[in-house]
Amino acid sequence: MPGDSSQSLSENDGGLDTAALYYGPPSPEEITVAADPEAAPWPQTTVTDFRQVTVFGLHGGAGATTVASLFGDDAVDAGTGWPVAGGWARPLPTLQVLAVARTHYAGLAAAEAFTHQWAAGQLPSSTLLGLLLVDDGPTLADGQKKAVKRLARKVPRGAHLPWIEAWRHLPPDPGRLPRRLTKIIHAFRTPR
């Protein structure tokens, strides 16, 4: 309802377990994955606004702008390209990057391609904090649930943001976030 300020998560968390965070390899150097010779290089975006967290969407409509707003002034939305630091500042900082994707087919496919390129060491110049998968609807099919768990474990930190009905009608209130989401945001602000 448009006047409702409730920001609770969907009751069953989309059918996933109660873990707010998943952990995977801390860097591509920790694993051996061959680059896909047929994959196009991930597009890059030059960022000159250096914040604690740089958020980017793996596809249009991923929810990166909303996710960046949850961090307040500590994050910037870099669009849909892999963020790399640019500008006149020297030395250039290493950006701490959070990737965001939806749980629909296109989002999961983009997350699959992205995590493979990251694991193959094809995304230099910035550090991947992790991947946040944002529900595309109130419930997930079994295949989506399995994909979320698998993808979340392919990166340093993976998290799942269940559907929040109130956000369809009102912007998120960073001061009144559900505990699970507060835990996720804190984890992405804290070095591993």
Protein backbone atom coordinates (compact mmCIF):
# COMPACT_ATOMS: atom_id res chain seq x y z
CA MET A 1 0.00 0.00 0.00
CA PRO A 2 1.48 3.38 -0.96
CA GLY A 3 1.16 4.89 2.54
CA ASP A 4 2.71 1.88 4.31
CA SER A 5 6.23 2.55 5.54
CA SER A 6 6.96 -1.08 6.42
CA GLN A 7 10.23 -2.38 5.03
CA SER A 8 10.08 -6.00 6.07
CA LEU A 9 11.56 -8.75 3.98
CA SER A 10 9.30 -11.33 2.42
CA GLU A 11 8.38 -13.86 5.08
CA ASN A 12 10.01 -16.92 3.59
CA ASP A 13 13.15 -15.27 2.17
CA GLY A 14 12.32 -16.65 -1.26
CA GLY A 15 12.79 -20.19 0.00
CA LEU A 16 16.54 -19.87 0.57
CA ASP A 17 18.26 -20.76 3.80
CA THR A 18 18.65 -18.10 6.46
CA ALA A 19 22.32 -17.30 5.71
CA ALA A 20 22.65 -13.60 4.97
CA LEU A 21 26.11 -14.03 3.44
CA TYR A 22 28.00 -16.67 1.53
CA TYR A 23 31.76 -16.79 1.16
CA GLY A 24 33.88 -17.87 -1.79
CA PRO A 25 37.42 -17.34 -3.03
CA PRO A 26 38.85 -14.00 -1.84
CA SER A 27 40.58 -13.32 -5.18
CA PRO A 28 41.03 -14.86 -8.62
CA GLU A 29 44.58 -15.81 -7.63
CA GLU A 30 43.09 -18.35 -5.19
CA ILE A 31 41.46 -20.40 -7.97
CA THR A 32 42.23 -21.59 -11.47
CA VAL A 33 39.64 -20.78 -14.10
CA ALA A 34 40.39 -20.56 -17.80
CA ALA A 35 39.19 -17.49 -19.63
CA ASP A 36 36.37 -18.08 -22.10
CA PRO A 37 37.92 -17.19 -25.48
CA GLU A 38 34.47 -16.45 -26.94
CA ALA A 39 33.32 -14.09 -24.17
CA ALA A 40 33.38 -10.39 -24.95
CA PRO A 41 35.41 -8.36 -22.44
CA TRP A 42 33.27 -6.86 -19.68
CA PRO A 43 32.72 -3.14 -20.37
CA GLN A 44 34.54 -0.74 -18.08
CA THR A 45 33.44 2.54 -16.51
CA THR A 46 35.92 5.17 -15.35
CA VAL A 47 35.04 6.44 -11.87
CA THR A 48 36.39 9.70 -10.45
CA ASP A 49 34.12 9.83 -7.38
CA PHE A 50 35.99 7.65 -4.89
CA ARG A 51 33.84 6.27 -2.10
CA GLN A 52 34.14 3.38 0.33
CA VAL A 53 32.03 1.16 -1.97
CA THR A 54 31.48 1.43 -5.71
CA VAL A 55 28.27 -0.32 -6.76
CA PHE A 56 27.56 -1.39 -10.32
CA GLY A 57 24.83 -3.33 -12.06
CA LEU A 58 25.61 -6.37 -14.16
CA HIS A 59 22.71 -5.38 -16.41
CA GLY A 60 20.22 -2.54 -16.72
CA GLY A 61 17.56 -2.62 -14.00
CA ALA A 62 19.74 -4.64 -11.63
CA GLY A 63 18.95 -2.39 -8.67
CA ALA A 64 22.41 -0.82 -8.33
CA THR A 65 21.04 2.68 -7.71
CA THR A 66 18.79 1.42 -4.92
CA VAL A 67 21.59 -0.66 -3.40
CA ALA A 68 24.02 2.29 -3.52
CA SER A 69 21.43 4.44 -1.73
CA LEU A 70 21.36 1.94 1.15
CA PHE A 71 25.00 2.79 1.90
CA GLY A 72 24.25 6.51 2.11
CA ASP A 73 27.21 8.73 1.26
CA ASP A 74 29.61 5.76 1.51
CA ALA A 75 28.73 4.42 -1.96
CA VAL A 76 28.44 5.56 -5.55
CA ASP A 77 26.52 3.92 -8.41
CA ALA A 78 28.88 3.40 -11.35
CA GLY A 79 26.32 2.22 -13.90
CA THR A 80 26.82 -1.11 -15.68
CA GLY A 81 30.53 -1.22 -16.50
CA TRP A 82 33.31 -2.70 -14.34
CA PRO A 83 34.43 0.37 -12.34
CA VAL A 84 38.06 1.46 -12.58
CA ALA A 85 39.53 4.57 -10.98
CA GLY A 86 40.37 7.48 -13.24
CA GLY A 87 41.09 11.16 -13.08
CA TRP A 88 44.08 13.23 -12.07
CA ALA A 89 44.60 11.92 -8.53
CA ARG A 90 47.85 10.00 -8.08
CA PRO A 91 48.23 7.37 -7.01
CA LEU A 92 44.81 6.19 -8.21
CA PRO A 93 42.94 4.24 -5.55
CA THR A 94 41.87 0.65 -5.96
CA LEU A 95 38.07 0.72 -5.98
CA GLN A 96 36.16 -1.65 -3.72
CA VAL A 97 33.36 -2.94 -5.97
CA LEU A 98 29.98 -4.51 -5.25
CA ALA A 99 28.25 -6.12 -8.25
CA VAL A 100 24.43 -6.28 -8.31
CA ALA A 101 22.11 -8.46 -10.41
CA ARG A 102 18.44 -9.46 -10.38
CA THR A 103 17.36 -13.05 -9.99
CA HIS A 104 15.52 -13.25 -13.33
CA TYR A 105 16.97 -15.11 -16.31
CA ALA A 106 18.93 -12.17 -17.77
CA GLY A 107 20.30 -11.19 -14.35
CA LEU A 108 21.45 -14.70 -13.47
CA ALA A 109 23.02 -15.13 -16.93
CA ALA A 110 24.88 -11.82 -16.51
CA ALA A 111 26.04 -12.89 -13.03
CA GLU A 112 27.28 -16.21 -14.44
CA ALA A 113 29.29 -14.48 -17.17
CA PHE A 114 30.63 -11.86 -14.75
CA THR A 115 31.72 -14.34 -12.06
CA HIS A 116 33.51 -16.41 -14.71
CA GLN A 117 35.42 -13.39 -16.01
CA TRP A 118 36.31 -12.34 -12.46
CA ALA A 119 37.52 -15.84 -11.58
CA ALA A 120 39.62 -15.94 -14.77
CA GLY A 121 41.36 -12.73 -13.67
CA GLN A 122 39.93 -10.65 -16.53
CA LEU A 123 38.71 -7.76 -14.33
CA PRO A 124 41.81 -5.90 -13.14
CA SER A 125 42.39 -2.51 -11.52
CA SER A 126 39.64 -2.80 -8.86
CA THR A 127 38.82 -5.25 -6.08
CA LEU A 128 35.56 -7.19 -6.06
CA LEU A 129 33.91 -7.09 -2.64
CA GLY A 130 31.15 -9.42 -3.78
CA LEU A 131 27.85 -9.98 -5.51
CA LEU A 132 24.38 -9.01 -4.30
CA LEU A 133 21.50 -10.85 -5.97
CA VAL A 134 18.22 -8.95 -5.70
CA ASP A 135 14.91 -10.81 -6.05
CA ASP A 136 12.91 -9.97 -9.14
CA GLY A 137 9.62 -11.01 -7.55
CA PRO A 138 8.04 -12.19 -4.29
CA THR A 139 9.00 -15.85 -4.78
CA LEU A 140 11.80 -17.67 -6.57
CA ALA A 141 11.53 -20.89 -8.55
CA ASP A 142 13.72 -23.80 -7.44
CA GLY A 143 16.19 -23.17 -10.28
CA GLN A 144 16.57 -19.54 -9.24
CA LYS A 145 17.22 -20.53 -5.62
CA LYS A 146 19.94 -22.97 -6.68
CA ALA A 147 21.52 -20.37 -8.98
CA VAL A 148 21.56 -17.74 -6.22
CA LYS A 149 23.38 -20.07 -3.81
CA ARG A 150 25.86 -21.22 -6.46
CA LEU A 151 26.66 -17.72 -7.75
CA ALA A 152 26.96 -16.26 -4.24
CA ARG A 153 29.72 -18.78 -3.48
CA LYS A 154 31.76 -17.95 -6.60
CA VAL A 155 32.90 -14.53 -5.31
CA PRO A 156 34.55 -13.24 -2.10
CA ARG A 157 31.15 -12.47 -0.56
CA GLY A 158 27.75 -13.22 -1.94
CA ALA A 159 24.41 -12.11 -0.60
CA HIS A 160 20.74 -12.45 -1.46
CA LEU A 161 18.28 -9.61 -0.99
CA PRO A 162 14.75 -10.99 -0.81
CA TRP A 163 11.75 -9.17 -2.21
CA ILE A 164 10.66 -6.09 -0.25
CA GLU A 165 7.14 -5.22 -1.35
CA ALA A 166 7.20 -1.73 0.17
CA TRP A 167 10.02 -0.69 -2.19
CA ARG A 168 7.62 -0.92 -5.12
CA HIS A 169 5.78 2.09 -3.70
CA LEU A 170 8.28 3.98 -1.52
CA PRO A 171 12.03 4.51 -1.58
CA PRO A 172 14.03 2.53 0.99
CA ASP A 173 14.60 4.28 4.31
CA PRO A 174 18.27 3.59 5.23
CA GLY A 175 17.41 4.35 8.86
CA ARG A 176 14.77 1.59 9.04
CA LEU A 177 16.27 -1.36 7.19
CA PRO A 178 15.54 -4.97 8.11
CA ARG A 179 18.24 -6.57 10.28
CA ARG A 180 19.32 -8.99 7.52
CA LEU A 181 19.93 -6.11 5.12
CA THR A 182 21.82 -4.11 7.75
CA LYS A 183 24.07 -7.14 8.26
CA ILE A 184 24.70 -7.43 4.51
CA ILE A 185 25.56 -3.73 4.15
CA HIS A 186 27.89 -3.87 7.17
CA ALA A 187 29.67 -6.90 5.69
CA PHE A 188 30.31 -5.14 2.38
CA ARG A 189 31.66 -2.08 4.23
CA THR A 190 34.08 -4.21 6.25
CA PRO A 191 37.26 -5.59 4.65
CA ARG A 192 37.45 -9.35 4.68
